[in-house]
C-alpha atoms as a PDB file:
ATOM      1  CA  MET A   1     -21.150 -25.056 -52.903  1.00  0.00           C
ATOM      2  CA  ARG A   2     -24.198 -26.819 -54.272  1.00  0.00           C
ATOM      3  CA  PHE A   3     -24.175 -29.202 -57.223  1.00  0.00           C
ATOM      4  CA  ARG A   4     -24.853 -27.594 -60.550  1.00  0.00           C
ATOM      5  CA  LYS A   5     -25.177 -29.174 -63.957  1.00  0.00           C
ATOM      6  CA  PRO A   6     -22.435 -27.626 -66.038  1.00  0.00           C
ATOM      7  CA  ARG A   7     -23.223 -26.072 -69.419  1.00  0.00           C
ATOM      8  CA  ALA A   8     -19.793 -26.797 -70.803  1.00  0.00           C
ATOM      9  CA  MET A   9     -17.474 -28.942 -68.739  1.00  0.00           C
ATOM     10  CA  GLN A  10     -14.031 -27.636 -69.520  1.00  0.00           C
ATOM     11  CA  GLY A  11     -11.007 -27.257 -67.345  1.00  0.00           C
ATOM     12  CA  ASN A  12     -10.896 -28.445 -63.792  1.00  0.00           C
ATOM     13  CA  GLU A  13     -13.601 -26.215 -62.289  1.00  0.00           C
ATOM     14  CA  PRO A  14     -15.560 -28.000 -59.512  1.00  0.00           C
ATOM     15  CA  ILE A  15     -19.070 -29.137 -60.385  1.00  0.00           C
ATOM     16  CA  PHE A  16     -19.637 -30.519 -56.874  1.00  0.00           C
ATOM     17  CA  ALA A  17     -17.893 -29.695 -53.615  1.00  0.00           C
ATOM     18  CA  GLU A  18     -18.697 -30.669 -50.045  1.00  0.00           C
ATOM     19  CA  THR A  19     -16.859 -30.179 -46.788  1.00  0.00           C
ATOM     20  CA  GLN A  20     -17.880 -32.319 -43.848  1.00  0.00           C
ATOM     21  CA  ARG A  21     -16.463 -32.038 -40.366  1.00  0.00           C
ATOM     22  CA  LEU A  22     -16.261 -34.601 -37.606  1.00  0.00           C
ATOM     23  CA  HIS A  23     -18.460 -32.462 -35.333  1.00  0.00           C
ATOM     24  CA  GLN A  24     -21.378 -33.356 -37.643  1.00  0.00           C
ATOM     25  CA  ASN A  25     -21.040 -36.865 -36.224  1.00  0.00           C
ATOM     26  CA  LEU A  26     -23.228 -37.156 -33.113  1.00  0.00           C
ATOM     27  CA  VAL A  27     -20.789 -39.532 -31.420  1.00  0.00           C
ATOM     28  CA  VAL A  28     -17.941 -37.046 -31.820  1.00  0.00           C
ATOM     29  CA  ARG A  29     -20.170 -34.156 -30.820  1.00  0.00           C
ATOM     30  CA  TYR A  30     -21.521 -35.644 -27.570  1.00  0.00           C
ATOM     31  CA  VAL A  31     -19.891 -38.884 -26.439  1.00  0.00           C
ATOM     32  CA  VAL A  32     -16.242 -37.886 -26.941  1.00  0.00           C
ATOM     33  CA  PRO A  33     -16.450 -34.632 -24.905  1.00  0.00           C
ATOM     34  CA  ILE A  34     -18.382 -36.354 -22.102  1.00  0.00           C
ATOM     35  CA  SER A  35     -15.754 -39.113 -22.030  1.00  0.00           C
ATOM     36  CA  CYS A  36     -12.960 -36.532 -21.908  1.00  0.00           C
ATOM     37  CA  VAL A  37     -14.591 -34.729 -18.975  1.00  0.00           C
ATOM     38  CA  ALA A  38     -14.998 -38.045 -17.140  1.00  0.00           C
ATOM     39  CA  VAL A  39     -11.336 -38.908 -17.742  1.00  0.00           C
ATOM     40  CA  LEU A  40     -10.340 -35.386 -16.670  1.00  0.00           C
ATOM     41  CA  VAL A  41     -12.221 -35.748 -13.380  1.00  0.00           C
ATOM     42  CA  PHE A  42     -10.558 -39.100 -12.738  1.00  0.00           C
ATOM     43  CA  VAL A  43      -7.039 -38.086 -13.833  1.00  0.00           C
ATOM     44  CA  GLY A  44      -7.241 -34.594 -12.329  1.00  0.00           C
ATOM     45  CA  GLY A  45      -8.497 -35.990  -9.049  1.00  0.00           C
ATOM     46  CA  ALA A  46      -5.706 -38.568  -8.967  1.00  0.00           C
ATOM     47  CA  MET A  47      -3.112 -35.916  -9.821  1.00  0.00           C
ATOM     48  CA  LEU A  48      -4.370 -33.553  -7.111  1.00  0.00           C
ATOM     49  CA  ALA A  49      -4.537 -36.405  -4.579  1.00  0.00           C
ATOM     50  CA  SER A  50      -0.923 -37.324  -5.320  1.00  0.00           C
ATOM     51  CA  GLY A  51       0.164 -33.715  -4.747  1.00  0.00           C
ATOM     52  CA  ALA A  52       0.813 -32.726  -8.375  1.00  0.00           C
ATOM     53  CA  PRO A  53       1.240 -29.000  -8.956  1.00  0.00           C
ATOM     54  CA  ILE A  54      -1.838 -27.116 -10.155  1.00  0.00           C
ATOM     55  CA  ALA A  55       0.038 -26.175 -13.368  1.00  0.00           C
ATOM     56  CA  GLU A  56       0.351 -29.868 -14.319  1.00  0.00           C
ATOM     57  CA  VAL A  57      -3.339 -30.474 -13.599  1.00  0.00           C
ATOM     58  CA  ALA A  58      -4.247 -27.416 -15.705  1.00  0.00           C
ATOM     59  CA  LEU A  59      -2.072 -28.692 -18.566  1.00  0.00           C
ATOM     60  CA  ALA A  60      -3.728 -32.110 -18.403  1.00  0.00           C
ATOM     61  CA  ALA A  61      -7.144 -30.411 -18.435  1.00  0.00           C
ATOM     62  CA  ALA A  62      -6.206 -28.295 -21.471  1.00  0.00           C
ATOM     63  CA  VAL A  63      -5.020 -31.358 -23.396  1.00  0.00           C
ATOM     64  CA  LEU A  64      -7.996 -33.532 -22.450  1.00  0.00           C
ATOM     65  CA  LEU A  65     -10.580 -30.860 -23.227  1.00  0.00           C
ATOM     66  CA  GLY A  66      -8.796 -29.257 -26.187  1.00  0.00           C
ATOM     67  CA  THR A  67      -8.102 -32.432 -28.140  1.00  0.00           C
ATOM     68  CA  PRO A  68     -11.778 -33.177 -28.955  1.00  0.00           C
ATOM     69  CA  LEU A  69     -12.302 -29.554 -30.006  1.00  0.00           C
ATOM     70  CA  VAL A  70      -9.416 -29.761 -32.466  1.00  0.00           C
ATOM     71  CA  ILE A  71     -10.411 -33.207 -33.760  1.00  0.00           C
ATOM     72  CA  ALA A  72     -14.027 -32.116 -34.272  1.00  0.00           C
ATOM     73  CA  GLN A  73     -12.900 -29.428 -36.724  1.00  0.00           C
ATOM     74  CA  LEU A  74     -10.924 -31.779 -38.990  1.00  0.00           C
ATOM     75  CA  PRO A  75     -12.494 -31.763 -42.467  1.00  0.00           C
ATOM     76  CA  MET A  76     -13.267 -34.247 -45.192  1.00  0.00           C
ATOM     77  CA  ARG A  77     -13.412 -32.388 -48.497  1.00  0.00           C
ATOM     78  CA  THR A  78     -14.914 -33.988 -51.618  1.00  0.00           C
ATOM     79  CA  VAL A  79     -14.599 -32.251 -54.992  1.00  0.00           C
ATOM     80  CA  VAL A  80     -15.841 -33.472 -58.369  1.00  0.00           C
ATOM     81  CA  THR A  81     -14.382 -31.825 -61.463  1.00  0.00           C
ATOM     82  CA  PRO A  82     -14.740 -32.784 -65.123  1.00  0.00           C
ATOM     83  CA  ARG A  83     -11.379 -34.582 -64.855  1.00  0.00           C
ATOM     84  CA  GLU A  84     -11.377 -36.274 -61.444  1.00  0.00           C
ATOM     85  CA  VAL A  85     -12.879 -36.966 -58.052  1.00  0.00           C
ATOM     86  CA  ARG A  86     -10.726 -35.639 -55.208  1.00  0.00           C
ATOM     87  CA  VAL A  87     -11.120 -36.487 -51.546  1.00  0.00           C
ATOM     88  CA  ALA A  88      -8.959 -34.917 -48.840  1.00  0.00           C
ATOM     89  CA  MET A  89      -9.421 -36.274 -45.355  1.00  0.00           C
ATOM     90  CA  LEU A  90      -8.267 -34.862 -42.035  1.00  0.00           C
ATOM     91  CA  GLY A  91      -5.782 -32.611 -43.794  1.00  0.00           C
ATOM     92  CA  LEU A  92      -3.330 -35.498 -44.219  1.00  0.00           C
ATOM     93  CA  PHE A  93      -4.726 -38.014 -46.693  1.00  0.00           C
ATOM     94  CA  ARG A  94      -5.671 -37.401 -50.329  1.00  0.00           C
ATOM     95  CA  TRP A  95      -7.221 -39.505 -53.080  1.00  0.00           C
ATOM     96  CA  ARG A  96      -7.553 -38.566 -56.772  1.00  0.00           C
ATOM     97  CA  ILE A  97      -9.562 -40.764 -59.094  1.00  0.00           C
ATOM     98  CA  PRO A  98      -9.508 -39.772 -62.777  1.00  0.00           C
ATOM     99  CA  MET A  99     -12.928 -39.781 -64.452  1.00  0.00           C
ATOM    100  CA  ASP A 100     -11.499 -42.046 -67.168  1.00  0.00           C
ATOM    101  CA  ALA A 101     -10.799 -44.726 -64.535  1.00  0.00           C
ATOM    102  CA  ILE A 102     -14.324 -44.796 -63.037  1.00  0.00           C
ATOM    103  CA  VAL A 103     -16.195 -47.964 -63.989  1.00  0.00           C
ATOM    104  CA  SER A 104     -19.376 -47.292 -61.998  1.00  0.00           C
ATOM    105  CA  VAL A 105     -20.863 -45.154 -59.255  1.00  0.00           C
ATOM    106  CA  GLU A 106     -23.958 -45.931 -57.179  1.00  0.00           C
ATOM    107  CA  PRO A 107     -25.582 -44.412 -54.107  1.00  0.00           C
ATOM    108  CA  ALA A 108     -24.839 -46.490 -51.014  1.00  0.00           C
ATOM    109  CA  LYS A 109     -26.213 -46.780 -47.523  1.00  0.00           C
ATOM    110  CA  TYR A 110     -24.110 -48.349 -44.792  1.00  0.00           C
ATOM    111  CA  VAL A 111     -24.317 -49.268 -41.125  1.00  0.00           C
ATOM    112  CA  PHE A 112     -21.119 -47.942 -39.612  1.00  0.00           C
ATOM    113  CA  LEU A 113     -20.530 -50.751 -37.095  1.00  0.00           C
ATOM    114  CA  ARG A 114     -21.663 -53.572 -39.401  1.00  0.00           C
ATOM    115  CA  ASN A 115     -19.913 -52.522 -42.633  1.00  0.00           C
ATOM    116  CA  SER A 116     -16.797 -51.095 -40.998  1.00  0.00           C
ATOM    117  CA  THR A 117     -15.486 -50.432 -37.530  1.00  0.00           C
ATOM    118  CA  GLY A 118     -16.665 -46.841 -37.332  1.00  0.00           C
ATOM    119  CA  TRP A 119     -16.116 -43.604 -39.210  1.00  0.00           C
ATOM    120  CA  GLY A 120     -12.887 -42.390 -40.750  1.00  0.00           C
ATOM    121  CA  ILE A 121     -10.665 -44.246 -43.192  1.00  0.00           C
ATOM    122  CA  ARG A 122     -11.799 -47.845 -42.893  1.00  0.00           C
ATOM    123  CA  PRO A 123     -11.503 -51.068 -44.885  1.00  0.00           C
ATOM    124  CA  SER A 124     -14.763 -52.882 -45.546  1.00  0.00           C
ATOM    125  CA  ARG A 125     -15.496 -56.212 -47.198  1.00  0.00           C
ATOM    126  CA  THR A 126     -18.745 -54.792 -48.562  1.00  0.00           C
ATOM    127  CA  PHE A 127     -17.571 -51.387 -49.822  1.00  0.00           C
ATOM    128  CA  GLY A 128     -13.779 -51.614 -50.179  1.00  0.00           C
ATOM    129  CA  LEU A 129     -12.113 -48.578 -48.651  1.00  0.00           C
ATOM    130  CA  MET A 130     -14.565 -46.313 -46.802  1.00  0.00           C
ATOM    131  CA  LEU A 131     -13.956 -42.579 -46.297  1.00  0.00           C
ATOM    132  CA  THR A 132     -16.594 -41.272 -43.891  1.00  0.00           C
ATOM    133  CA  VAL A 133     -16.976 -38.759 -41.059  1.00  0.00           C
ATOM    134  CA  ALA A 134     -20.699 -38.809 -40.294  1.00  0.00           C
ATOM    135  CA  GLY A 135     -24.003 -40.231 -41.429  1.00  0.00           C
ATOM    136  CA  ASN A 136     -24.751 -43.457 -43.245  1.00  0.00           C
ATOM    137  CA  ARG A 137     -24.864 -42.552 -46.953  1.00  0.00           C
ATOM    138  CA  GLY A 138     -22.334 -42.110 -49.691  1.00  0.00           C
ATOM    139  CA  ALA A 139     -21.234 -42.805 -53.253  1.00  0.00           C
ATOM    140  CA  GLN A 140     -19.846 -46.268 -54.017  1.00  0.00           C
ATOM    141  CA  LEU A 141     -17.211 -46.037 -56.757  1.00  0.00           C
ATOM    142  CA  ARG A 142     -15.611 -48.833 -58.701  1.00  0.00           C
ATOM    143  CA  TYR A 143     -12.534 -47.716 -60.607  1.00  0.00           C
ATOM    144  CA  ASP A 144      -9.555 -49.135 -62.483  1.00  0.00           C
ATOM    145  CA  SER A 145      -6.165 -48.752 -60.843  1.00  0.00           C
ATOM    146  CA  GLY A 146      -3.116 -50.464 -62.288  1.00  0.00           C
ATOM    147  CA  GLY A 147      -5.134 -53.143 -64.068  1.00  0.00           C
ATOM    148  CA  ARG A 148      -7.254 -53.947 -61.003  1.00  0.00           C
ATOM    149  CA  THR A 149     -10.757 -52.780 -60.175  1.00  0.00           C
ATOM    150  CA  LYS A 150     -10.916 -51.135 -56.761  1.00  0.00           C
ATOM    151  CA  ARG A 151     -13.867 -50.056 -54.627  1.00  0.00           C
ATOM    152  CA  LEU A 152     -14.163 -46.810 -52.696  1.00  0.00           C
ATOM    153  CA  LEU A 153     -17.081 -45.481 -50.674  1.00  0.00           C
ATOM    154  CA  ILE A 154     -17.093 -41.704 -50.225  1.00  0.00           C
ATOM    155  CA  GLY A 155     -19.382 -40.679 -47.369  1.00  0.00           C
ATOM    156  CA  SER A 156     -21.584 -37.659 -48.059  1.00  0.00           C
ATOM    157  CA  GLN A 157     -24.445 -35.719 -46.529  1.00  0.00           C
ATOM    158  CA  ARG A 158     -25.531 -35.085 -50.153  1.00  0.00           C
ATOM    159  CA  ALA A 159     -24.925 -38.551 -51.604  1.00  0.00           C
ATOM    160  CA  ASP A 160     -27.461 -38.302 -54.458  1.00  0.00           C
ATOM    161  CA  GLU A 161     -25.929 -35.043 -55.711  1.00  0.00           C
ATOM    162  CA  LEU A 162     -22.430 -36.516 -55.458  1.00  0.00           C
ATOM    163  CA  VAL A 163     -23.420 -39.607 -57.461  1.00  0.00           C
ATOM    164  CA  GLU A 164     -25.137 -37.501 -60.132  1.00  0.00           C
ATOM    165  CA  ALA A 165     -22.134 -35.174 -60.480  1.00  0.00           C
ATOM    166  CA  ILE A 166     -19.742 -38.117 -60.897  1.00  0.00           C
ATOM    167  CA  ARG A 167     -22.012 -39.817 -63.433  1.00  0.00           C
ATOM    168  CA  ILE A 168     -22.339 -36.656 -65.524  1.00  0.00           C
ATOM    169  CA  ALA A 169     -18.599 -35.924 -65.455  1.00  0.00           C
ATOM    170  CA  ALA A 170     -17.649 -39.556 -66.229  1.00  0.00           C
ATOM    171  CA  ASP A 171     -20.137 -39.706 -69.140  1.00  0.00           C
ATOM    172  CA  VAL A 172     -18.787 -36.466 -70.608  1.00  0.00           C
ATOM    173  CA  ARG A 173     -15.201 -37.797 -70.351  1.00  0.00           C
ATOM    174  CA  ARG A 174     -16.223 -41.043 -72.105  1.00  0.00           C
ATOM    175  CA  HIS A 175     -17.954 -39.119 -74.907  1.00  0.00           C
ATOM    176  CA  GLU A 176     -14.870 -36.915 -75.320  1.00  0.00           C
ATOM    177  CA  ALA A 177     -12.645 -40.022 -75.522  1.00  0.00           C
ATOM    178  CA  ASP A 178     -14.990 -41.627 -78.069  1.00  0.00           C
ATOM    179  CA  ALA A 179     -14.923 -38.454 -80.181  1.00  0.00           C
ATOM    180  CA  LEU A 180     -11.113 -38.455 -80.179  1.00  0.00           C
ATOM    181  CA  VAL A 181     -10.997 -42.106 -81.257  1.00  0.00           C
ATOM    182  CA  MET A 182     -13.438 -41.451 -84.122  1.00  0.00           C
ATOM    183  CA  ALA A 183     -11.592 -38.328 -85.332  1.00  0.00           C
END
């Protein structure tokens, strides 16, 4: 789904949505499978040399070669609605940031080994919590949470569109709140 400027932002209909998968990351796509094959050759050879049954070697091969294929398909889903920013990562972790809580959003560029220790869910002194699966761009959010301002970097292959969608939705929510106060 591509970003579209909404005519009337009502309800919780997405105005931006992006799904990224780990296989978009070149390291996951090439280095991990090559490493698994190398480990398989070493482990399989050792198992065969020690007289392990072929069934056990085949099981080890299936696990070592199948694991990267499964991991590479795990998604990171980012959705911007008029009410909130939602990020679901790896099917297990979810974040919801209400538009009313967003203080600022800026495009960000990061170096994955300098600003964090890789891709995934990572703490960073520069960006706060980083949610990334590939690339080096994202949206840097600052938001209020329980009286404290927190930082969150959401990695995106379409970072400029993500930032624009959040800015538009947050501005509309602020104008709606101002209108309620004045009424």
